[in-house]
Each structure stands twice: as structure tokens, then as C-alpha cells.
Amino acid sequence: CTTTCTVTVPAPTAAGENWCVWNGVGVSTAITLSAISGVQYSKPDLSAYGTANTSATSTAHAGAKICMVSPDTTHWDVLSVDDPTEWTMN
């Protein structure tokens, strides 16, 4: 992202898919990951899943980034994140 952005995240189609998004160099904006019907994002600390069909957001900060992997076709698990306290997975 080079400005505040909402990213349309695809629903995973198989286990083992990877998906990442990040702010550009010197960019300090919020990132919103789109809600996906029937898909849940994991919490950054992997303690639980958020509600299906609900977006995820970062606060506006430099270096915002997140990478996720799919364990199946209904979940995105956080694989790496810049700062777990900066992300809200509803």
C-alpha cells in the first residue's frame, strides 16, 4: 500500500496458499483486509479465529505488514506480522 488502502483478499482455494500485504517504504497508513464470505482470519497470536465475513485492520503505522497461510478453504492463519498489537482480526 502506498496510501490508506482496503485490500481484497481472495478466499483460499486449497491448504497451503500464502498471501501477503505491506506498506511501501516510508508509508505509515492503515491497511484493511476485506471481509470474505465464509472465511475467518486468525488472531495474530494464533489464540483463536475472528468472525467469518469480517474485515481485519491495522493501525496506521510504518512497516505495517502481514502474511497469511491457508490451512483449508475457510481460514487464513497469520504466518507473520510486523506487530501483533497493531492488527485487529474481528
C-alpha atoms as a PDB file:
ATOM      1  CA  CYS A   1       0.000   0.000   0.000  1.00  0.00           C
ATOM      2  CA  THR A   2       1.167   3.488  -0.772  1.00  0.00           C
ATOM      3  CA  THR A   3      -1.840   5.227   0.826  1.00  0.00           C
ATOM      4  CA  THR A   4      -4.586   4.080   3.208  1.00  0.00           C
ATOM      5  CA  CYS A   5      -5.992   1.049   1.461  1.00  0.00           C
ATOM      6  CA  THR A   6      -8.524  -1.729   1.541  1.00  0.00           C
ATOM      7  CA  VAL A   7      -7.142  -4.910   0.027  1.00  0.00           C
ATOM      8  CA  THR A   8      -9.451  -7.510  -1.488  1.00  0.00           C
ATOM      9  CA  VAL A   9      -8.178 -10.792  -0.100  1.00  0.00           C
ATOM     10  CA  PRO A  10      -9.184 -13.872  -2.090  1.00  0.00           C
ATOM     11  CA  ALA A  11     -10.805 -16.844  -0.400  1.00  0.00           C
ATOM     12  CA  PRO A  12      -8.303 -19.681  -0.180  1.00  0.00           C
ATOM     13  CA  THR A  13      -8.941 -22.490  -2.659  1.00  0.00           C
ATOM     14  CA  ALA A  14      -6.660 -25.085  -1.035  1.00  0.00           C
ATOM     15  CA  ALA A  15      -4.488 -25.644   2.017  1.00  0.00           C
ATOM     16  CA  GLY A  16      -1.005 -24.145   1.845  1.00  0.00           C
ATOM     17  CA  GLU A  17      -1.761 -20.963  -0.083  1.00  0.00           C
ATOM     18  CA  ASN A  18       0.160 -17.842   1.006  1.00  0.00           C
ATOM     19  CA  TRP A  19      -0.949 -14.224   0.913  1.00  0.00           C
ATOM     20  CA  CYS A  20       0.917 -11.073   1.998  1.00  0.00           C
ATOM     21  CA  VAL A  21       0.366  -7.316   2.021  1.00  0.00           C
ATOM     22  CA  TRP A  22       2.516  -4.461   3.363  1.00  0.00           C
ATOM     23  CA  ASN A  23       3.012  -0.714   3.346  1.00  0.00           C
ATOM     24  CA  GLY A  24       5.573   0.739   0.967  1.00  0.00           C
ATOM     25  CA  VAL A  25       8.868   2.167   2.183  1.00  0.00           C
ATOM     26  CA  GLY A  26       8.254   5.306   4.233  1.00  0.00           C
ATOM     27  CA  VAL A  27       4.466   4.802   4.197  1.00  0.00           C
ATOM     28  CA  SER A  28       2.573   4.977   7.524  1.00  0.00           C
ATOM     29  CA  THR A  29      -1.046   4.196   6.665  1.00  0.00           C
ATOM     30  CA  ALA A  30      -3.762   1.809   7.821  1.00  0.00           C
ATOM     31  CA  ILE A  31      -4.397  -1.413   5.921  1.00  0.00           C
ATOM     32  CA  THR A  32      -7.812  -3.076   5.834  1.00  0.00           C
ATOM     33  CA  LEU A  33      -8.192  -6.681   4.672  1.00  0.00           C
ATOM     34  CA  SER A  34     -11.573  -7.304   3.063  1.00  0.00           C
ATOM     35  CA  ALA A  35     -14.260  -9.444   4.639  1.00  0.00           C
ATOM     36  CA  ILE A  36     -14.617 -12.803   2.866  1.00  0.00           C
ATOM     37  CA  SER A  37     -17.877 -14.727   2.952  1.00  0.00           C
ATOM     38  CA  GLY A  38     -17.417 -17.925   4.985  1.00  0.00           C
ATOM     39  CA  VAL A  39     -13.718 -17.257   5.743  1.00  0.00           C
ATOM     40  CA  GLN A  40     -12.134 -16.426   9.116  1.00  0.00           C
ATOM     41  CA  TYR A  41      -8.837 -14.649   9.829  1.00  0.00           C
ATOM     42  CA  SER A  42      -6.829 -15.949  12.775  1.00  0.00           C
ATOM     43  CA  LYS A  43      -5.816 -13.627  15.584  1.00  0.00           C
ATOM     44  CA  PRO A  44      -2.150 -12.554  15.178  1.00  0.00           C
ATOM     45  CA  ASP A  45      -1.178 -14.552  18.292  1.00  0.00           C
ATOM     46  CA  LEU A  46      -2.998 -17.640  16.872  1.00  0.00           C
ATOM     47  CA  SER A  47      -5.177 -17.856  20.000  1.00  0.00           C
ATOM     48  CA  ALA A  48      -8.465 -18.003  18.068  1.00  0.00           C
ATOM     49  CA  TYR A  49     -10.236 -17.066  14.862  1.00  0.00           C
ATOM     50  CA  GLY A  50     -12.217 -13.914  14.256  1.00  0.00           C
ATOM     51  CA  THR A  51     -15.779 -13.917  12.948  1.00  0.00           C
ATOM     52  CA  ALA A  52     -16.333 -15.140   9.388  1.00  0.00           C
ATOM     53  CA  ASN A  53     -17.145 -12.482   6.792  1.00  0.00           C
ATOM     54  CA  THR A  54     -15.475  -9.744   8.867  1.00  0.00           C
ATOM     55  CA  SER A  55     -12.613  -7.472   7.815  1.00  0.00           C
ATOM     56  CA  ALA A  56      -9.247  -7.125   9.554  1.00  0.00           C
ATOM     57  CA  THR A  57      -7.359  -3.867  10.077  1.00  0.00           C
ATOM     58  CA  SER A  58      -4.004  -2.481  11.060  1.00  0.00           C
ATOM     59  CA  THR A  59      -3.444   0.832  12.752  1.00  0.00           C
ATOM     60  CA  ALA A  60      -1.698   3.451  10.648  1.00  0.00           C
ATOM     61  CA  HIS A  61       1.993   2.826  11.218  1.00  0.00           C
ATOM     62  CA  ALA A  62       5.257   2.479   9.315  1.00  0.00           C
ATOM     63  CA  GLY A  63       6.159  -1.060   8.360  1.00  0.00           C
ATOM     64  CA  ALA A  64       2.625  -2.454   8.569  1.00  0.00           C
ATOM     65  CA  LYS A  65       2.687  -5.927   7.028  1.00  0.00           C
ATOM     66  CA  ILE A  66       1.023  -9.291   7.340  1.00  0.00           C
ATOM     67  CA  CYS A  67       1.492 -12.678   5.689  1.00  0.00           C
ATOM     68  CA  MET A  68      -1.050 -15.472   5.982  1.00  0.00           C
ATOM     69  CA  VAL A  69      -1.275 -19.147   5.033  1.00  0.00           C
ATOM     70  CA  SER A  70      -4.412 -21.205   4.477  1.00  0.00           C
ATOM     71  CA  PRO A  71      -4.824 -24.443   6.463  1.00  0.00           C
ATOM     72  CA  ASP A  72      -8.001 -25.120   4.447  1.00  0.00           C
ATOM     73  CA  THR A  73     -10.538 -23.237   2.301  1.00  0.00           C
ATOM     74  CA  THR A  74     -12.279 -21.404   5.171  1.00  0.00           C
ATOM     75  CA  HIS A  75      -9.376 -19.885   7.146  1.00  0.00           C
ATOM     76  CA  TRP A  76      -6.418 -17.554   6.764  1.00  0.00           C
ATOM     77  CA  ASP A  77      -3.858 -18.100   9.565  1.00  0.00           C
ATOM     78  CA  VAL A  78      -1.376 -15.316  10.376  1.00  0.00           C
ATOM     79  CA  LEU A  79       2.062 -16.580   9.402  1.00  0.00           C
ATOM     80  CA  SER A  80       3.966 -13.386  10.190  1.00  0.00           C
ATOM     81  CA  VAL A  81       3.069  -9.861  11.193  1.00  0.00           C
ATOM     82  CA  ASP A  82       5.114  -6.768  11.997  1.00  0.00           C
ATOM     83  CA  ASP A  83       3.465  -6.166  15.378  1.00  0.00           C
ATOM     84  CA  PRO A  84       0.527  -8.274  16.583  1.00  0.00           C
ATOM     85  CA  THR A  85      -0.752  -5.439  18.777  1.00  0.00           C
ATOM     86  CA  GLU A  86      -1.216  -3.247  15.678  1.00  0.00           C
ATOM     87  CA  TRP A  87      -3.711  -5.629  13.979  1.00  0.00           C
ATOM     88  CA  THR A  88      -7.375  -6.293  14.772  1.00  0.00           C
ATOM     89  CA  MET A  89      -8.818  -9.524  13.433  1.00  0.00           C
ATOM     90  CA  ASN A  90     -12.526  -9.261  14.307  1.00  0.00           C
END
